[in-house]
Structure formats: C-alpha cells, structure tokens
Amino acid sequence: MRIATLGFDEELVEFVRQIERSPKHHLVGSFDAGDGASEIEAISPQTRATAESWEGLLSGTVADLVIVASRPSSAAAVEQRDDQLRKLVQAGTPMLLIQSTCQMIVAFELEMIRQDSKCVMLPYHPMLFHPAYQAIRKLVTDENTEQLGNIEQIIWNRQAVTRDRKTVLDTFTHDAIVLRDLLGNVTRIAAMVSSDSDSGFANLGVQLTGSDEQLARWSIGPVQEHSGAKLTVVGSTGSAVLAMLPNEPCQLSIDGKRKEIKETCPVNAALAWAEEHLASDDGSMWDQACRVMELEDAVQRSARRGRTIELYNEMVSERETFKSMMAAGGCGLLLWVMFLLLVAGIVEGLQLPIRDSLFWRLWPVYLAAPLFIFLLMQLLQLAAAKPETPTVPEEDEV
C-alpha cells in the first residue's frame, strides 16, 4: 500500500518507522512536516520529506492512503490544516487521521462534505488497537458475563503534572475516545469543577451516561505515585483494571490477578485495519470521532452552567443544517412581524403625523417582502436536492 504523510507529530513518526519495516507498505512522500522533516528522512532515507505541494495528493494517484498528523499548535498552521482537510475530503482522498486532527466545528463540516464525496476517513487512537484494551473491551461488550457479571461502572482515573484548562480538556477528549467505544452513544454528560476558571479545571470530574444507561466516570488529579491513567471496569461479581503508565507496558488484572498480554504494535494493527476498510468504510468511523469532539464542548457547557447536558446524537447533514437555519430565521421573522404590527397599530391608532409620509405608507411592503423572501428560500432545498441513483433490481436466476 502506497502511503503519504501530512504534518508531523510523535504518533506519525511511529507510523513512518513501521511502514519502513513493512514489506507490504511503501512511504511515497511526507508533506508539510516542518521541523520534523529531518527526523522522517533519518528513518526513511529513500523517502525524502518532499518540498512539493501537498495538493498533488488530491489527484488520488500519488498515494492509496494519507496519514494526517494531529492538530498543529499555531493558529496559522491550524487554519492551513483545516483547508487541507476540506480539499482532501472533497477530492475523496482516503485518510487515516490521528486524534485530534481538527476542532469540533471543522469535524462536522468535514462530515457533511464526506457524505457527498464518500471519502474514507478513519480516525486513529493507539489504545483502541492495544491487545490489553481489546481484552478489557471484550469483557464489557461480551454477552457472557461469567467473569465480571453485569457491568455497573466504568471508571477512568488519570494523574497528571500539567493540569491547565486546555491540557485537561485535550486529555479528556483523548480518553473519551476509549470511553465512548465502551459506552456507545453518550446521552448525558455532567462536569464537576471548582470554578469555570483555568485553575478550576485542574481537578475536573466528568460523569457520562450511555444509551443503555451504563455509567462511566472520568477524573484527573495531581500525581501521587506516578503519572498515568487507570481504567477500571466494575461488574456485579468482579472487576478488571487496566493500568497505563508512561514508558511501561500496559498491565491488565482481573479480580486482582494479573493477566499476561502479548504485546503487539498498535500501528501495524491500525495499518491492517485501514487497508481492510479502504473499500468498505461506511462513514460511521468519522461520525463517531465527531461525537467524541462534541463531548469536549458539552463538558465546557456543563461546567459553565453547573448542570447535566443532554446529548441527542443527531445526524449532521446539509439538509438538517438548512432546516436549523430556516427555523432560526423563522423565529427572527416572527419577531419582526410582531414588532412592525405593534408599531403600525400605535401610529394608526394615535393618528401620528408620520402616517402621511410615503415611507410609512409602504409599511405593508416591509411586512410582506421578508415573508415572501423567506418562503422563496424554502425552495432552495428543492433546487439543491441531489437526485437519487435508481437501483436496478436483480433478476432472479432461473
């Protein structure tokens, strides 16, 4: 498989290493690597970080898959990355996107474009491909409940040195990918902070409720023994703990007994998974990634308002966005009509001098014109509707 990279981060470097070692894959180019270009060239000498424009990827003939690095730090680079993603999705270029690649509003915009272009967009999170996590996920999703019984709670505790607001929210979004994979659709979310200031998020606690009323709790706090995270699954008859410590293998224990897990490379598993989904992706992967980004926004709203936020997981599309805009416009138009009728009643009732001016005599036009334009805009939905491709019924075999 021919693979190109866009951007640079530590996760992408690991992809370059594994691609270089694999006989099945070939790195054809690295674009917009910036200061990391020399590191990529050191790993893959025969593949130089090209100075050519990344727009060559839009043709679809350069690479079978583009691996996109996480969101850059500078505002100018973020704006450029968002523009790159829009064009790549419009061109239908298959991508493997390292979380978090973009902001929530851009992610949903890309989803609407993807629905038209049918672009393959596969989000990547290393923990989802780790064998230890796969083992604990099987305990949660498996209908056989002999080991843990009915799952009652999922608890994620993290200890970190840096706990400013931005870092905490980025960390939550990173971990929420795993929590949502275990819970499914999140229907309610509640955040607990000491205040809505930056320092108030240093001990953020979040409770999430899944579609089947299963609960999960996430929290962050100061380092007591060592930094890292611990995922605990509590069942009615037992519990499982996955310890994730920096620079150490993940440790899985069930009911206090450590379970040996054969270490495998998440990157190789992700590449095999991506190759499998290039021809069969239905778009649900990127939609799930968008829902995870939505959780970060919901946490901030919950912390600001001090209450639980309901999440409806509505499908995002151009049609639904148009309906929302028309609904908002209709409310504004209704207020305008009420205001104009009130003013007209006062002017006509009190026989004010302004009623004799030409400007005032045209007040019915001021009332009717916006209504006519609003109704005319409803036809845009019909004009922009895409014709459905007719399906040809298969002939019965004789």
Protein backbone atom coordinates (compact mmCIF):
# COMPACT_ATOMS: atom_id res chain seq x y z
CA MET A 1 0.00 0.00 0.00
CA ARG A 2 1.36 3.41 -1.00
CA ILE A 3 1.22 5.77 1.97
CA ALA A 4 1.89 9.51 2.30
CA THR A 5 2.01 11.62 5.45
CA LEU A 6 0.74 15.14 6.10
CA GLY A 7 2.06 17.14 9.05
CA PHE A 8 4.24 15.90 11.89
CA ASP A 9 3.88 14.55 15.44
CA GLU A 10 5.23 11.69 17.55
CA GLU A 11 2.45 9.28 16.57
CA LEU A 12 3.15 9.91 12.90
CA VAL A 13 6.86 9.15 13.46
CA GLU A 14 5.90 5.70 14.77
CA PHE A 15 3.84 5.13 11.62
CA VAL A 16 6.87 6.04 9.48
CA ARG A 17 9.02 3.55 11.43
CA GLN A 18 6.58 0.69 10.95
CA ILE A 19 5.98 1.49 7.27
CA GLU A 20 9.74 1.43 6.73
CA ARG A 21 9.94 -2.04 8.31
CA SER A 22 6.95 -3.48 6.47
CA PRO A 23 7.37 -5.15 3.05
CA LYS A 24 3.66 -4.56 2.33
CA HIS A 25 3.74 -0.76 2.59
CA HIS A 26 5.75 1.98 0.94
CA LEU A 27 6.13 5.60 2.05
CA VAL A 28 5.83 7.70 -1.11
CA GLY A 29 6.17 11.15 0.43
CA SER A 30 5.97 13.35 3.50
CA PHE A 31 4.26 16.72 3.17
CA ASP A 32 4.28 19.77 5.45
CA ALA A 33 6.49 18.03 8.02
CA GLY A 34 8.12 21.32 9.02
CA ASP A 35 10.92 20.90 11.54
CA GLY A 36 10.24 17.16 11.66
CA ALA A 37 11.29 16.62 8.03
CA SER A 38 14.85 15.72 9.04
CA GLU A 39 13.62 13.09 11.52
CA ILE A 40 11.44 11.47 8.87
CA GLU A 41 14.36 11.44 6.40
CA ALA A 42 16.57 9.81 9.05
CA ILE A 43 14.05 6.97 9.49
CA SER A 44 13.28 6.56 5.79
CA PRO A 45 16.32 7.76 3.80
CA GLN A 46 14.92 6.73 0.42
CA THR A 47 11.78 8.81 1.02
CA ARG A 48 12.69 12.44 1.42
CA ALA A 49 10.28 14.87 3.01
CA THR A 50 9.27 16.39 -0.30
CA ALA A 51 9.13 20.13 -0.84
CA GLU A 52 6.43 19.65 -3.46
CA SER A 53 2.96 20.94 -2.78
CA TRP A 54 0.65 18.66 -0.81
CA GLU A 55 -2.03 19.37 -3.43
CA GLY A 56 -0.55 16.58 -5.52
CA LEU A 57 -2.37 14.23 -3.13
CA LEU A 58 -5.71 15.46 -4.49
CA SER A 59 -5.25 13.55 -7.75
CA GLY A 60 -5.60 10.20 -5.99
CA THR A 61 -2.71 8.71 -7.97
CA VAL A 62 0.12 9.54 -5.56
CA ALA A 63 -0.94 7.50 -2.52
CA ASP A 64 -3.55 4.92 -1.53
CA LEU A 65 -3.74 6.36 1.99
CA VAL A 66 -2.75 9.68 3.59
CA ILE A 67 -1.87 9.67 7.30
CA VAL A 68 -2.70 13.06 8.80
CA ALA A 69 -0.92 14.20 11.97
CA SER A 70 -2.70 15.74 14.95
CA ARG A 71 -3.67 19.41 15.02
CA PRO A 72 -0.68 21.82 14.92
CA SER A 73 -0.16 24.41 17.64
CA SER A 74 -0.04 27.75 15.81
CA ALA A 75 -3.25 29.45 14.65
CA ALA A 76 -1.96 29.93 11.09
CA ALA A 77 -0.99 26.26 10.81
CA VAL A 78 -4.40 25.19 12.17
CA GLU A 79 -6.19 27.28 9.53
CA GLN A 80 -3.99 25.79 6.81
CA ARG A 81 -4.62 22.25 8.08
CA ASP A 82 -8.39 22.81 8.10
CA ASP A 83 -8.23 23.99 4.48
CA GLN A 84 -6.13 20.96 3.53
CA LEU A 85 -8.63 18.59 5.12
CA ARG A 86 -11.57 20.21 3.32
CA LYS A 87 -9.88 19.83 -0.07
CA LEU A 88 -8.75 16.26 0.61
CA VAL A 89 -12.26 15.22 1.64
CA GLN A 90 -13.79 16.92 -1.40
CA ALA A 91 -11.34 15.02 -3.61
CA GLY A 92 -12.22 11.74 -1.89
CA THR A 93 -8.63 11.06 -0.79
CA PRO A 94 -8.59 8.18 1.76
CA MET A 95 -7.17 9.33 5.11
CA LEU A 96 -6.12 7.92 8.46
CA LEU A 97 -6.43 10.81 10.92
CA ILE A 98 -4.55 10.88 14.20
CA GLN A 99 -6.70 12.27 17.02
CA SER A 100 -7.20 15.19 17.46
CA THR A 101 -6.82 16.38 13.89
CA CYS A 102 -9.19 19.34 13.95
CA GLN A 103 -11.73 21.20 16.06
CA MET A 104 -15.32 20.05 16.51
CA ILE A 105 -16.94 22.58 14.17
CA VAL A 106 -14.48 21.66 11.40
CA ALA A 107 -15.01 17.93 12.04
CA PHE A 108 -18.77 18.24 11.49
CA GLU A 109 -18.15 20.36 8.38
CA LEU A 110 -15.89 17.61 7.03
CA GLU A 111 -18.60 15.06 7.82
CA MET A 112 -21.10 16.95 5.65
CA ILE A 113 -18.58 17.10 2.80
CA ARG A 114 -17.77 13.41 3.28
CA GLN A 115 -21.42 12.45 2.83
CA ASP A 116 -21.22 13.81 -0.73
CA SER A 117 -17.71 12.68 -1.69
CA LYS A 118 -17.89 9.28 0.12
CA CYS A 119 -14.32 9.89 1.27
CA VAL A 120 -12.80 7.21 3.53
CA MET A 121 -11.91 8.88 6.86
CA LEU A 122 -10.53 6.59 9.55
CA PRO A 123 -9.72 8.10 12.99
CA TYR A 124 -6.76 6.58 14.84
CA HIS A 125 -6.28 6.19 18.58
CA PRO A 126 -3.43 3.86 19.67
CA MET A 127 -5.26 2.48 22.72
CA LEU A 128 -8.11 1.09 20.61
CA PHE A 129 -5.63 -1.26 18.89
CA HIS A 130 -3.78 -2.34 22.04
CA PRO A 131 -4.29 -6.03 22.94
CA ALA A 132 -4.78 -5.21 26.64
CA TYR A 133 -7.60 -2.83 25.81
CA GLN A 134 -9.10 -5.33 23.36
CA ALA A 135 -9.21 -7.84 26.22
CA ILE A 136 -10.97 -5.47 28.62
CA ARG A 137 -13.34 -4.32 25.87
CA LYS A 138 -14.37 -7.91 25.27
CA LEU A 139 -15.29 -8.20 28.96
CA VAL A 140 -17.56 -5.14 28.63
CA THR A 141 -19.22 -5.96 25.32
CA ASP A 142 -19.35 -9.76 25.56
CA GLU A 143 -22.78 -11.11 26.45
CA ASN A 144 -21.11 -13.83 28.52
CA THR A 145 -20.95 -12.21 32.00
CA GLU A 146 -19.35 -15.07 33.93
CA GLN A 147 -16.14 -13.18 34.80
CA LEU A 148 -17.44 -9.75 35.84
CA GLY A 149 -21.20 -10.17 35.86
CA ASN A 150 -23.32 -7.24 34.75
CA ILE A 151 -21.18 -4.16 34.12
CA GLU A 152 -22.15 -1.42 36.58
CA GLN A 153 -19.47 1.25 36.24
CA ILE A 154 -16.51 2.23 34.09
CA ILE A 155 -14.00 4.45 35.90
CA TRP A 156 -11.06 6.29 34.36
CA ASN A 157 -8.64 7.96 36.80
CA ARG A 158 -5.74 9.99 35.48
CA GLN A 159 -2.85 11.62 37.34
CA ALA A 160 -1.01 14.40 35.52
CA VAL A 161 1.61 17.05 36.22
CA THR A 162 0.28 19.71 33.83
CA ARG A 163 -3.38 20.46 34.52
CA ASP A 164 -4.23 23.78 32.90
CA ARG A 165 -7.64 24.09 31.23
CA LYS A 166 -6.51 23.41 27.65
CA THR A 167 -4.36 20.41 28.60
CA VAL A 168 -7.11 18.90 30.75
CA LEU A 169 -9.74 19.27 28.00
CA ASP A 170 -7.37 17.81 25.39
CA THR A 171 -6.64 14.91 27.73
CA PHE A 172 -10.33 14.29 28.33
CA THR A 173 -11.04 14.26 24.58
CA HIS A 174 -8.18 11.81 24.10
CA ASP A 175 -9.53 9.48 26.80
CA ALA A 176 -13.18 9.96 25.82
CA ILE A 177 -12.50 8.11 22.58
CA VAL A 178 -11.95 4.95 24.63
CA LEU A 179 -14.87 5.63 26.99
CA ARG A 180 -17.28 6.16 24.11
CA ASP A 181 -16.04 2.98 22.47
CA LEU A 182 -17.09 1.13 25.64
CA LEU A 183 -20.33 3.05 26.29
CA GLY A 184 -21.65 3.58 22.78
CA ASN A 185 -23.61 6.79 22.22
CA VAL A 186 -23.37 9.16 25.20
CA THR A 187 -26.79 10.61 26.06
CA ARG A 188 -25.96 12.69 29.16
CA ILE A 189 -22.80 14.30 30.48
CA ALA A 190 -22.13 16.22 33.70
CA ALA A 191 -18.90 18.00 34.63
CA MET A 192 -17.78 18.94 38.14
CA VAL A 193 -15.25 21.76 38.61
CA SER A 194 -14.45 24.07 41.50
CA SER A 195 -14.93 27.07 39.18
CA ASP A 196 -15.13 27.88 35.48
CA SER A 197 -11.65 29.44 35.58
CA ASP A 198 -8.48 27.78 34.28
CA SER A 199 -7.48 26.62 37.76
CA GLY A 200 -10.95 25.17 38.35
CA PHE A 201 -10.35 22.50 35.68
CA ALA A 202 -7.26 21.14 37.48
CA ASN A 203 -9.46 18.56 39.26
CA LEU A 204 -12.11 18.05 36.60
CA GLY A 205 -14.56 15.20 37.11
CA VAL A 206 -16.96 14.04 34.39
CA GLN A 207 -19.83 11.55 34.51
CA LEU A 208 -21.12 10.07 31.26
CA THR A 209 -24.28 8.04 30.66
CA GLY A 210 -24.51 5.65 27.72
CA SER A 211 -27.54 4.86 25.60
CA ASP A 212 -28.22 1.72 27.67
CA GLU A 213 -27.97 3.72 30.95
CA GLN A 214 -24.47 2.43 31.65
CA LEU A 215 -22.34 4.88 33.66
CA ALA A 216 -18.74 5.98 33.25
CA ARG A 217 -16.69 8.39 35.35
CA TRP A 218 -13.56 10.27 34.31
CA SER A 219 -11.37 12.32 36.63
CA ILE A 220 -7.96 13.98 36.68
CA GLY A 221 -5.86 14.95 39.67
CA PRO A 222 -2.33 15.60 40.92
CA VAL A 223 0.41 12.98 40.72
CA GLN A 224 0.55 10.93 43.93
CA GLU A 225 2.70 7.94 42.99
CA HIS A 226 3.32 8.24 39.26
CA SER A 227 1.69 9.93 36.29
CA GLY A 228 -0.50 7.88 34.02
CA ALA A 229 -4.03 6.50 33.93
CA LYS A 230 -6.05 3.60 35.26
CA LEU A 231 -9.18 2.18 33.63
CA THR A 232 -11.39 0.17 35.98
CA VAL A 233 -14.42 -1.84 34.91
CA VAL A 234 -16.65 -2.76 37.85
CA GLY A 235 -19.12 -5.61 37.46
CA SER A 236 -21.62 -7.21 39.82
CA THR A 237 -19.30 -10.17 40.51
CA GLY A 238 -15.81 -8.85 39.76
CA SER A 239 -13.64 -6.08 38.38
CA ALA A 240 -10.91 -5.55 35.81
CA VAL A 241 -8.16 -2.91 35.96
CA LEU A 242 -6.01 -1.66 33.08
CA ALA A 243 -3.00 0.35 34.28
CA MET A 244 -1.38 2.65 31.73
CA LEU A 245 1.95 4.02 32.95
CA PRO A 246 4.37 6.12 30.88
CA ASN A 247 7.23 4.18 29.26
CA GLU A 248 5.90 0.87 30.62
CA PRO A 249 3.72 -1.87 29.10
CA CYS A 250 0.03 -1.77 29.95
CA GLN A 251 -0.91 -4.09 32.81
CA LEU A 252 -4.27 -5.86 32.91
CA SER A 253 -5.55 -7.53 36.07
CA ILE A 254 -8.87 -9.29 36.63
CA ASP A 255 -10.08 -9.68 40.22
CA GLY A 256 -6.60 -8.79 41.45
CA LYS A 257 -4.84 -11.40 39.29
CA ARG A 258 -2.53 -10.08 36.61
CA LYS A 259 -3.27 -11.35 33.13
CA GLU A 260 -0.41 -11.80 30.70
CA ILE A 261 -0.97 -9.94 27.44
CA LYS A 262 1.14 -10.49 24.35
CA GLU A 263 2.42 -7.08 23.29
CA THR A 264 1.76 -6.15 19.66
CA CYS A 265 2.30 -2.92 17.77
CA PRO A 266 -0.89 -0.80 17.58
CA VAL A 267 0.42 0.93 14.45
CA ASN A 268 0.70 -2.32 12.48
CA ALA A 269 -2.80 -3.29 13.61
CA ALA A 270 -4.08 0.14 12.54
CA LEU A 271 -2.47 -0.15 9.09
CA ALA A 272 -4.02 -3.58 8.55
CA TRP A 273 -7.38 -2.23 9.76
CA ALA A 274 -7.10 0.77 7.42
CA GLU A 275 -6.24 -1.41 4.43
CA GLU A 276 -9.28 -3.56 5.17
CA HIS A 277 -11.62 -0.56 5.43
CA LEU A 278 -10.43 1.31 2.33
CA ALA A 279 -13.04 -0.43 0.21
CA SER A 280 -15.74 -0.99 2.83
CA ASP A 281 -15.92 2.12 5.02
CA ASP A 282 -19.49 3.33 5.60
CA GLY A 283 -18.54 6.65 7.21
CA SER A 284 -19.56 5.63 10.73
CA MET A 285 -15.96 5.83 11.98
CA TRP A 286 -15.61 9.55 11.34
CA ASP A 287 -19.11 10.23 12.64
CA GLN A 288 -18.08 8.60 15.94
CA ALA A 289 -14.96 10.78 16.04
CA CYS A 290 -17.16 13.86 15.61
CA ARG A 291 -19.32 12.74 18.54
CA VAL A 292 -16.22 12.46 20.73
CA MET A 293 -15.21 16.04 19.88
CA GLU A 294 -18.76 17.08 20.76
CA LEU A 295 -18.19 15.74 24.29
CA GLU A 296 -15.45 18.32 24.94
CA ASP A 297 -17.85 21.14 24.08
CA ALA A 298 -20.54 19.55 26.28
CA VAL A 299 -18.10 19.37 29.22
CA GLN A 300 -17.38 23.09 28.97
CA ARG A 301 -21.10 23.93 28.78
CA SER A 302 -21.85 21.69 31.75
CA ALA A 303 -19.06 23.28 33.81
CA ARG A 304 -20.23 26.78 32.91
CA ARG A 305 -23.92 26.14 33.65
CA GLY A 306 -23.45 23.73 36.54
CA ARG A 307 -25.92 21.15 35.25
CA THR A 308 -26.21 17.98 33.19
CA ILE A 309 -26.15 18.37 29.41
CA GLU A 310 -28.37 16.19 27.23
CA LEU A 311 -26.82 14.88 24.01
CA TYR A 312 -29.13 13.84 21.18
CA ASN A 313 -26.56 12.45 18.69
CA GLU A 314 -28.47 13.85 15.75
CA MET A 315 -27.24 13.14 12.25
CA VAL A 316 -25.42 16.11 10.73
CA SER A 317 -26.19 16.89 7.09
CA GLU A 318 -26.63 19.88 4.81
CA ARG A 319 -30.40 19.32 4.86
CA GLU A 320 -30.57 19.35 8.66
CA THR A 321 -28.31 22.40 8.84
CA PHE A 322 -30.54 24.20 6.34
CA LYS A 323 -33.62 23.34 8.41
CA SER A 324 -31.96 24.70 11.56
CA MET A 325 -31.05 27.95 9.83
CA MET A 326 -34.57 28.32 8.46
CA ALA A 327 -36.04 27.67 11.91
CA ALA A 328 -33.84 30.38 13.42
CA GLY A 329 -34.70 32.71 10.55
CA GLY A 330 -38.41 31.99 11.03
CA CYS A 331 -38.19 32.98 14.70
CA GLY A 332 -36.46 36.23 13.78
CA LEU A 333 -39.05 36.94 11.09
CA LEU A 334 -41.89 36.32 13.54
CA LEU A 335 -40.40 38.86 15.96
CA TRP A 336 -40.09 41.39 13.11
CA VAL A 337 -43.75 40.91 12.11
CA MET A 338 -44.95 41.34 15.70
CA PHE A 339 -42.82 44.47 16.15
CA LEU A 340 -44.00 46.03 12.87
CA LEU A 341 -47.68 45.31 13.59
CA LEU A 342 -47.31 46.83 17.06
CA VAL A 343 -45.73 50.00 15.65
CA ALA A 344 -48.39 50.18 12.91
CA GLY A 345 -51.16 49.90 15.49
CA ILE A 346 -49.68 52.73 17.55
CA VAL A 347 -49.12 55.04 14.55
CA GLU A 348 -52.58 54.45 13.06
CA GLY A 349 -54.36 54.49 16.39
CA LEU A 350 -52.84 57.78 17.54
CA GLN A 351 -53.01 59.33 14.05
CA LEU A 352 -49.35 60.35 14.23
CA PRO A 353 -48.05 62.74 11.50
CA ILE A 354 -45.67 60.10 10.15
CA ARG A 355 -48.65 58.18 8.71
CA ASP A 356 -48.93 60.73 5.87
CA SER A 357 -45.37 60.17 4.61
CA LEU A 358 -44.60 57.89 1.65
CA PHE A 359 -42.14 55.99 3.81
CA TRP A 360 -44.87 54.96 6.22
CA ARG A 361 -47.48 54.19 3.57
CA LEU A 362 -45.23 51.39 2.33
CA TRP A 363 -45.25 49.58 5.69
CA PRO A 364 -47.26 46.63 4.27
CA VAL A 365 -44.36 46.10 1.84
CA TYR A 366 -41.93 45.96 4.77
CA LEU A 367 -44.17 43.26 6.22
CA ALA A 368 -44.79 41.23 3.07
CA ALA A 369 -41.33 41.39 1.45
CA PRO A 370 -39.44 39.46 4.19
CA LEU A 371 -42.24 36.88 4.30
CA PHE A 372 -42.05 36.40 0.53
CA ILE A 373 -38.24 36.11 0.59
CA PHE A 374 -38.40 33.62 3.48
CA LEU A 375 -40.92 31.43 1.66
CA LEU A 376 -38.88 31.66 -1.54
CA MET A 377 -35.79 30.46 0.31
CA GLN A 378 -37.63 27.28 1.25
CA LEU A 379 -37.49 26.33 -2.43
CA LEU A 380 -33.68 26.32 -2.31
CA GLN A 381 -33.87 22.95 -0.59
CA LEU A 382 -35.72 21.51 -3.59
CA ALA A 383 -33.41 23.18 -6.10
CA ALA A 384 -30.28 21.84 -4.37
CA ALA A 385 -31.66 18.34 -3.81
CA LYS A 386 -29.48 15.65 -5.33
CA PRO A 387 -31.27 13.11 -7.49
CA GLU A 388 -31.22 9.66 -6.01
CA THR A 389 -29.49 7.00 -8.03
CA PRO A 390 -32.13 4.48 -9.10
CA THR A 391 -31.46 0.95 -8.03
CA VAL A 392 -31.82 -1.74 -10.66
CA PRO A 393 -33.47 -4.84 -9.22
CA GLU A 394 -31.51 -8.00 -9.67
CA GLU A 395 -33.04 -10.57 -11.98
CA ASP A 396 -33.97 -13.86 -10.43
CA GLU A 397 -31.81 -16.72 -11.52
CA VAL A 398 -33.59 -19.39 -13.48
